C-alpha atoms as a PDB file:
ATOM      1  CA  MET A   1       7.942  10.793 -15.996  1.00  0.00           C
ATOM      2  CA  PRO A   2      10.978  12.985 -16.807  1.00  0.00           C
ATOM      3  CA  GLN A   3      14.209  11.226 -17.798  1.00  0.00           C
ATOM      4  CA  LEU A   4      16.004  12.291 -14.610  1.00  0.00           C
ATOM      5  CA  GLU A   5      13.305  10.673 -12.464  1.00  0.00           C
ATOM      6  CA  LEU A   6      13.471   7.470 -14.519  1.00  0.00           C
ATOM      7  CA  ALA A   7      17.233   7.331 -14.168  1.00  0.00           C
ATOM      8  CA  PHE A   8      17.015   8.091 -10.456  1.00  0.00           C
ATOM      9  CA  LEU A   9      14.404   5.411  -9.799  1.00  0.00           C
ATOM     10  CA  SER A  10      16.314   2.750 -11.751  1.00  0.00           C
ATOM     11  CA  ALA A  11      19.762   3.515 -10.298  1.00  0.00           C
ATOM     12  CA  PRO A  12      21.106   0.811  -7.954  1.00  0.00           C
ATOM     13  CA  ASN A  13      21.473   1.603  -4.243  1.00  0.00           C
ATOM     14  CA  VAL A  14      19.680   4.941  -4.576  1.00  0.00           C
ATOM     15  CA  THR A  15      16.826   5.822  -2.257  1.00  0.00           C
ATOM     16  CA  PRO A  16      13.822   6.826  -4.357  1.00  0.00           C
ATOM     17  CA  PRO A  17      12.274  10.254  -3.873  1.00  0.00           C
ATOM     18  CA  ARG A  18       9.641  10.281  -1.189  1.00  0.00           C
ATOM     19  CA  VAL A  19       7.083  12.303  -3.172  1.00  0.00           C
ATOM     20  CA  VAL A  20       6.661  12.854  -6.912  1.00  0.00           C
ATOM     21  CA  ALA A  21       4.074  14.817  -8.855  1.00  0.00           C
ATOM     22  CA  SER A  22       1.843  13.135 -11.400  1.00  0.00           C
ATOM     23  CA  SER A  23       2.023  14.473 -14.960  1.00  0.00           C
ATOM     24  CA  VAL A  24      -1.144  16.509 -14.311  1.00  0.00           C
ATOM     25  CA  LEU A  25       0.151  18.003 -11.053  1.00  0.00           C
ATOM     26  CA  ARG A  26       3.482  18.901 -12.691  1.00  0.00           C
ATOM     27  CA  LYS A  27       1.548  21.304 -14.947  1.00  0.00           C
ATOM     28  CA  HIS A  28      -0.608  22.832 -12.175  1.00  0.00           C
ATOM     29  CA  ARG A  29       0.140  26.297 -10.791  1.00  0.00           C
ATOM     30  CA  ALA A  30      -0.158  25.008  -7.184  1.00  0.00           C
ATOM     31  CA  LYS A  31       2.356  22.190  -7.740  1.00  0.00           C
ATOM     32  CA  ASN A  32       5.049  23.612  -5.442  1.00  0.00           C
ATOM     33  CA  GLU A  33       2.665  24.319  -2.569  1.00  0.00           C
ATOM     34  CA  VAL A  34       1.019  20.891  -2.840  1.00  0.00           C
ATOM     35  CA  LEU A  35       4.369  19.081  -2.911  1.00  0.00           C
ATOM     36  CA  ARG A  36       5.731  21.192  -0.037  1.00  0.00           C
ATOM     37  CA  MET A  37       2.748  20.318   2.131  1.00  0.00           C
ATOM     38  CA  VAL A  38       2.839  16.624   1.207  1.00  0.00           C
ATOM     39  CA  ALA A  39       6.588  16.465   1.940  1.00  0.00           C
ATOM     40  CA  TYR A  40       5.972  18.004   5.386  1.00  0.00           C
ATOM     41  CA  VAL A  41       3.239  15.486   6.251  1.00  0.00           C
ATOM     42  CA  ARG A  42       5.128  12.582   4.679  1.00  0.00           C
ATOM     43  CA  ARG A  43       7.884  12.796   7.293  1.00  0.00           C
ATOM     44  CA  TYR A  44       5.388  11.612   9.928  1.00  0.00           C
ATOM     45  CA  PHE A  45       4.852   8.384   7.977  1.00  0.00           C
ATOM     46  CA  PRO A  46       7.996   6.285   8.446  1.00  0.00           C
ATOM     47  CA  GLU A  47       6.021   3.229   7.320  1.00  0.00           C
ATOM     48  CA  LEU A  48       6.286   4.631   3.789  1.00  0.00           C
ATOM     49  CA  ASP A  49      10.085   5.004   3.884  1.00  0.00           C
ATOM     50  CA  GLY A  50      11.650   3.466   0.820  1.00  0.00           C
ATOM     51  CA  GLU A  51       8.490   4.046  -1.199  1.00  0.00           C
ATOM     52  CA  THR A  52       7.680   6.830  -3.600  1.00  0.00           C
ATOM     53  CA  VAL A  53       4.254   8.401  -3.174  1.00  0.00           C
ATOM     54  CA  THR A  54       2.812   9.849  -6.364  1.00  0.00           C
ATOM     55  CA  VAL A  55       0.582  12.885  -5.885  1.00  0.00           C
ATOM     56  CA  GLY A  56      -2.125  13.655  -8.406  1.00  0.00           C
ATOM     57  CA  LEU A  57      -5.057  16.062  -8.626  1.00  0.00           C
ATOM     58  CA  THR A  58      -8.768  15.636  -8.021  1.00  0.00           C
ATOM     59  CA  ARG A  59     -11.697  18.011  -8.124  1.00  0.00           C
ATOM     60  CA  ALA A  60     -14.215  15.434  -6.884  1.00  0.00           C
ATOM     61  CA  ALA A  61     -13.222  15.574  -3.198  1.00  0.00           C
ATOM     62  CA  SER A  62     -10.648  17.069  -0.832  1.00  0.00           C
ATOM     63  CA  GLY A  63      -8.539  13.970  -1.397  1.00  0.00           C
ATOM     64  CA  MET A  64      -8.581  10.348  -2.490  1.00  0.00           C
ATOM     65  CA  ALA A  65      -6.369   7.277  -2.151  1.00  0.00           C
ATOM     66  CA  VAL A  66      -6.481   3.555  -2.755  1.00  0.00           C
ATOM     67  CA  PRO A  67      -5.868   1.619   0.480  1.00  0.00           C
ATOM     68  CA  GLY A  68      -2.524  -0.145   0.306  1.00  0.00           C
ATOM     69  CA  GLY A  69      -1.444   1.766  -2.810  1.00  0.00           C
ATOM     70  CA  THR A  70       1.197   4.430  -3.426  1.00  0.00           C
ATOM     71  CA  ARG A  71      -0.869   7.193  -5.075  1.00  0.00           C
ATOM     72  CA  ILE A  72      -2.931   9.969  -3.556  1.00  0.00           C
ATOM     73  CA  TRP A  73      -5.010  12.620  -5.291  1.00  0.00           C
ATOM     74  CA  LEU A  74      -5.511  16.026  -3.692  1.00  0.00           C
ATOM     75  CA  ASN A  75      -7.659  19.055  -4.430  1.00  0.00           C
ATOM     76  CA  PRO A  76      -5.385  22.150  -4.254  1.00  0.00           C
ATOM     77  CA  SER A  77      -8.337  24.439  -3.509  1.00  0.00           C
ATOM     78  CA  ARG A  78      -9.255  22.418  -0.388  1.00  0.00           C
ATOM     79  CA  LEU A  79      -5.818  21.354   0.781  1.00  0.00           C
ATOM     80  CA  SER A  80      -4.955  20.851   4.448  1.00  0.00           C
ATOM     81  CA  TYR A  81      -2.401  18.887   6.442  1.00  0.00           C
ATOM     82  CA  HIS A  82      -5.229  16.784   7.864  1.00  0.00           C
ATOM     83  CA  THR A  83      -6.468  15.810   4.390  1.00  0.00           C
ATOM     84  CA  ILE A  84      -2.957  14.800   3.318  1.00  0.00           C
ATOM     85  CA  SER A  85      -2.429  12.815   6.519  1.00  0.00           C
ATOM     86  CA  HIS A  86      -5.826  11.145   6.109  1.00  0.00           C
ATOM     87  CA  GLU A  87      -4.999  10.097   2.538  1.00  0.00           C
ATOM     88  CA  LEU A  88      -1.524   8.835   3.469  1.00  0.00           C
ATOM     89  CA  LEU A  89      -3.159   6.710   6.169  1.00  0.00           C
ATOM     90  CA  HIS A  90      -5.265   5.058   3.478  1.00  0.00           C
ATOM     91  CA  LEU A  91      -1.979   3.975   1.884  1.00  0.00           C
ATOM     92  CA  LEU A  92      -1.082   2.178   5.141  1.00  0.00           C
ATOM     93  CA  GLN A  93      -4.341   0.249   5.267  1.00  0.00           C
ATOM     94  CA  CYS A  94      -4.248  -3.347   3.973  1.00  0.00           C
ATOM     95  CA  ARG A  95      -0.522  -3.677   4.824  1.00  0.00           C
ATOM     96  CA  ASN A  96      -0.675  -5.674   8.080  1.00  0.00           C
ATOM     97  CA  LEU A  97       0.250  -2.599  10.121  1.00  0.00           C
ATOM     98  CA  ASP A  98      -2.728  -2.852  12.490  1.00  0.00           C
ATOM     99  CA  ILE A  99      -4.370   0.201  10.932  1.00  0.00           C
ATOM    100  CA  PRO A 100      -8.043  -0.607  10.464  1.00  0.00           C
ATOM    101  CA  ALA A 101     -10.025   0.079   7.317  1.00  0.00           C
ATOM    102  CA  GLY A 102     -12.534   2.902   7.111  1.00  0.00           C
ATOM    103  CA  GLU A 103     -12.801   6.650   6.890  1.00  0.00           C
ATOM    104  CA  LYS A 104     -13.400   7.287  10.595  1.00  0.00           C
ATOM    105  CA  ALA A 105     -10.380   5.138  11.458  1.00  0.00           C
ATOM    106  CA  CYS A 106      -8.278   7.266   9.097  1.00  0.00           C
ATOM    107  CA  ASP A 107      -9.471  10.436  10.851  1.00  0.00           C
ATOM    108  CA  VAL A 108      -8.607   9.131  14.331  1.00  0.00           C
ATOM    109  CA  PHE A 109      -5.265   7.644  13.316  1.00  0.00           C
ATOM    110  CA  SER A 110      -4.463  10.829  11.388  1.00  0.00           C
ATOM    111  CA  PHE A 111      -5.115  12.996  14.453  1.00  0.00           C
ATOM    112  CA  ALA A 112      -2.774  10.707  16.421  1.00  0.00           C
ATOM    113  CA  ARG A 113       0.206  11.245  14.060  1.00  0.00           C
ATOM    114  CA  HIS A 114       1.309  14.726  15.161  1.00  0.00           C
ATOM    115  CA  TRP A 115      -0.534  17.757  16.467  1.00  0.00           C
ATOM    116  CA  THR A 116       0.742  20.021  13.660  1.00  0.00           C
ATOM    117  CA  LEU A 117      -1.227  17.928  11.157  1.00  0.00           C
ATOM    118  CA  ASN A 118      -4.498  18.699  12.934  1.00  0.00           C
ATOM    119  CA  ASP A 119      -5.369  21.901  11.119  1.00  0.00           C
ATOM    120  CA  GLU A 120      -8.845  21.279   9.715  1.00  0.00           C
ATOM    121  CA  ARG A 121     -12.170  19.775  10.749  1.00  0.00           C
ATOM    122  CA  PRO A 122     -12.404  16.133   9.680  1.00  0.00           C
ATOM    123  CA  SER A 123     -15.024  14.880   7.273  1.00  0.00           C
ATOM    124  CA  TYR A 124     -15.951  11.716   9.162  1.00  0.00           C
ATOM    125  CA  VAL A 125     -15.515  11.771  12.962  1.00  0.00           C
ATOM    126  CA  LYS A 126     -17.461  14.214  15.116  1.00  0.00           C
ATOM    127  CA  VAL A 127     -15.654  17.070  16.828  1.00  0.00           C
ATOM    128  CA  PRO A 128     -17.266  19.689  19.076  1.00  0.00           C
ATOM    129  CA  ARG A 129     -18.140  22.930  17.302  1.00  0.00           C
ATOM    130  CA  GLN A 130     -16.538  24.975  20.088  1.00  0.00           C
ATOM    131  CA  ILE A 131     -13.025  24.001  18.956  1.00  0.00           C
ATOM    132  CA  VAL A 132     -13.529  24.818  15.270  1.00  0.00           C
ATOM    133  CA  ASP A 133     -13.297  28.378  13.947  1.00  0.00           C
ATOM    134  CA  GLU A 134     -15.572  29.860  11.272  1.00  0.00           C
ATOM    135  CA  ARG A 135     -13.267  28.552   8.493  1.00  0.00           C
ATOM    136  CA  GLY A 136     -13.300  24.975   9.854  1.00  0.00           C
ATOM    137  CA  ARG A 137      -9.786  25.283  11.317  1.00  0.00           C
ATOM    138  CA  PHE A 138      -8.344  24.356  14.720  1.00  0.00           C
ATOM    139  CA  SER A 139      -6.263  26.524  17.035  1.00  0.00           C
ATOM    140  CA  GLU A 140      -2.947  25.168  18.320  1.00  0.00           C
ATOM    141  CA  ALA A 141      -4.579  24.256  21.640  1.00  0.00           C
ATOM    142  CA  ALA A 142      -7.393  22.391  19.881  1.00  0.00           C
ATOM    143  CA  ALA A 143      -4.898  20.594  17.607  1.00  0.00           C
ATOM    144  CA  LYS A 144      -2.938  19.427  20.640  1.00  0.00           C
ATOM    145  CA  LEU A 145      -6.126  18.272  22.377  1.00  0.00           C
ATOM    146  CA  LEU A 146      -7.161  16.296  19.277  1.00  0.00           C
ATOM    147  CA  PHE A 147      -3.699  14.726  19.179  1.00  0.00           C
ATOM    148  CA  ALA A 148      -3.806  13.715  22.864  1.00  0.00           C
ATOM    149  CA  VAL A 149      -7.306  12.222  22.713  1.00  0.00           C
ATOM    150  CA  ALA A 150      -6.591  10.427  19.425  1.00  0.00           C
ATOM    151  CA  ARG A 151      -3.403   8.909  20.871  1.00  0.00           C
ATOM    152  CA  GLU A 152      -5.435   7.666  23.828  1.00  0.00           C
ATOM    153  CA  ALA A 153      -8.048   6.188  21.487  1.00  0.00           C
ATOM    154  CA  VAL A 154      -5.391   4.384  19.422  1.00  0.00           C
ATOM    155  CA  THR A 155      -3.805   3.072  22.628  1.00  0.00           C
ATOM    156  CA  GLN A 156      -7.206   1.876  23.843  1.00  0.00           C
ATOM    157  CA  ARG A 157      -7.722   0.098  20.513  1.00  0.00           C
ATOM    158  CA  ALA A 158      -4.332  -1.623  20.873  1.00  0.00           C
ATOM    159  CA  ARG A 159      -5.480  -2.834  24.310  1.00  0.00           C
ATOM    160  CA  GLY A 160      -8.597  -4.375  22.779  1.00  0.00           C
ATOM    161  CA  LEU A 161     -11.215  -1.603  22.895  1.00  0.00           C
ATOM    162  CA  ARG A 162     -13.281  -2.188  19.788  1.00  0.00           C
ATOM    163  CA  ASN A 163     -15.273   1.048  19.947  1.00  0.00           C
ATOM    164  CA  TYR A 164     -12.218   3.330  20.059  1.00  0.00           C
ATOM    165  CA  ILE A 165     -13.825   5.752  17.570  1.00  0.00           C
ATOM    166  CA  SER A 166     -16.803   6.269  19.896  1.00  0.00           C
ATOM    167  CA  PHE A 167     -14.321   6.617  22.759  1.00  0.00           C
ATOM    168  CA  PHE A 168     -12.474   9.329  20.791  1.00  0.00           C
ATOM    169  CA  GLU A 169     -15.646  11.298  20.032  1.00  0.00           C
ATOM    170  CA  ALA A 170     -17.040  11.024  23.580  1.00  0.00           C
ATOM    171  CA  GLU A 171     -13.734  11.766  25.328  1.00  0.00           C
ATOM    172  CA  LEU A 172     -13.055  14.765  23.100  1.00  0.00           C
ATOM    173  CA  ALA A 173     -16.562  16.126  23.752  1.00  0.00           C
ATOM    174  CA  ARG A 174     -16.143  15.557  27.505  1.00  0.00           C
ATOM    175  CA  ARG A 175     -12.804  17.382  27.650  1.00  0.00           C
ATOM    176  CA  VAL A 176     -14.077  20.300  25.603  1.00  0.00           C
ATOM    177  CA  GLU A 177     -17.161  20.546  27.831  1.00  0.00           C
ATOM    178  CA  ASP A 178     -15.039  20.308  31.008  1.00  0.00           C
ATOM    179  CA  ASP A 179     -12.728  23.033  29.702  1.00  0.00           C
ATOM    180  CA  ASP A 180     -15.705  25.197  28.724  1.00  0.00           C
ATOM    181  CA  THR A 181     -17.283  24.717  32.181  1.00  0.00           C
ATOM    182  CA  ALA A 182     -13.992  25.583  33.912  1.00  0.00           C
ATOM    183  CA  HIS A 183     -13.636  28.693  31.744  1.00  0.00           C
ATOM    184  CA  LYS A 184     -17.179  29.850  32.586  1.00  0.00           C
ATOM    185  CA  SER A 185     -16.559  29.222  36.308  1.00  0.00           C
ATOM    186  CA  ALA A 186     -13.383  31.309  36.168  1.00  0.00           C
ATOM    187  CA  LEU A 187     -15.263  34.143  34.473  1.00  0.00           C
ATOM    188  CA  ARG A 188     -17.979  34.025  37.170  1.00  0.00           C
ATOM    189  CA  LEU A 189     -15.277  34.209  39.864  1.00  0.00           C
ATOM    190  CA  LEU A 190     -13.703  37.227  38.162  1.00  0.00           C
ATOM    191  CA  HIS A 191     -17.032  39.047  38.128  1.00  0.00           C
ATOM    192  CA  THR A 192     -17.647  38.416  41.849  1.00  0.00           C
ATOM    193  CA  VAL A 193     -14.253  39.754  42.935  1.00  0.00           C
END
């Protein structure tokens, strides 16, 4: 850790930096882009205020984290806002914040953070193929739909629904199908006029 960071972290009454690069990331050519993206996502995680998140590199997966910890590892070649959000959610697990353990839970809770973080297909929960482009990305409309359905699922969980992940997957599929059916009906009406 550079001297300035050590001095900053040990200074009294000074808020620590929200995100720092590991020694390996500091040497990587994508360091600035990775830290910029993490800083953007980090602002949607007020539960981590007052803590410094250390960002490292991995090649083994899109991202990794230890539940309840303060370190995440990201793969710069497969970086997305969703992956960062998913990994930051792992940091919130095991902290008595009512965020359940598990990968699917991280996907749902990640989608419920903010629609701008919903940029890439998740690795664990099912999403309809119709809302994913050929690169595995979501349009703005799809990102907002994911956000709305995930918020509903998290609310349902807070009210006692234990199968909120199944609710999320089924409700998302239903809304996409309903929208697709409405779109096809409108096209049929246009062709009959």
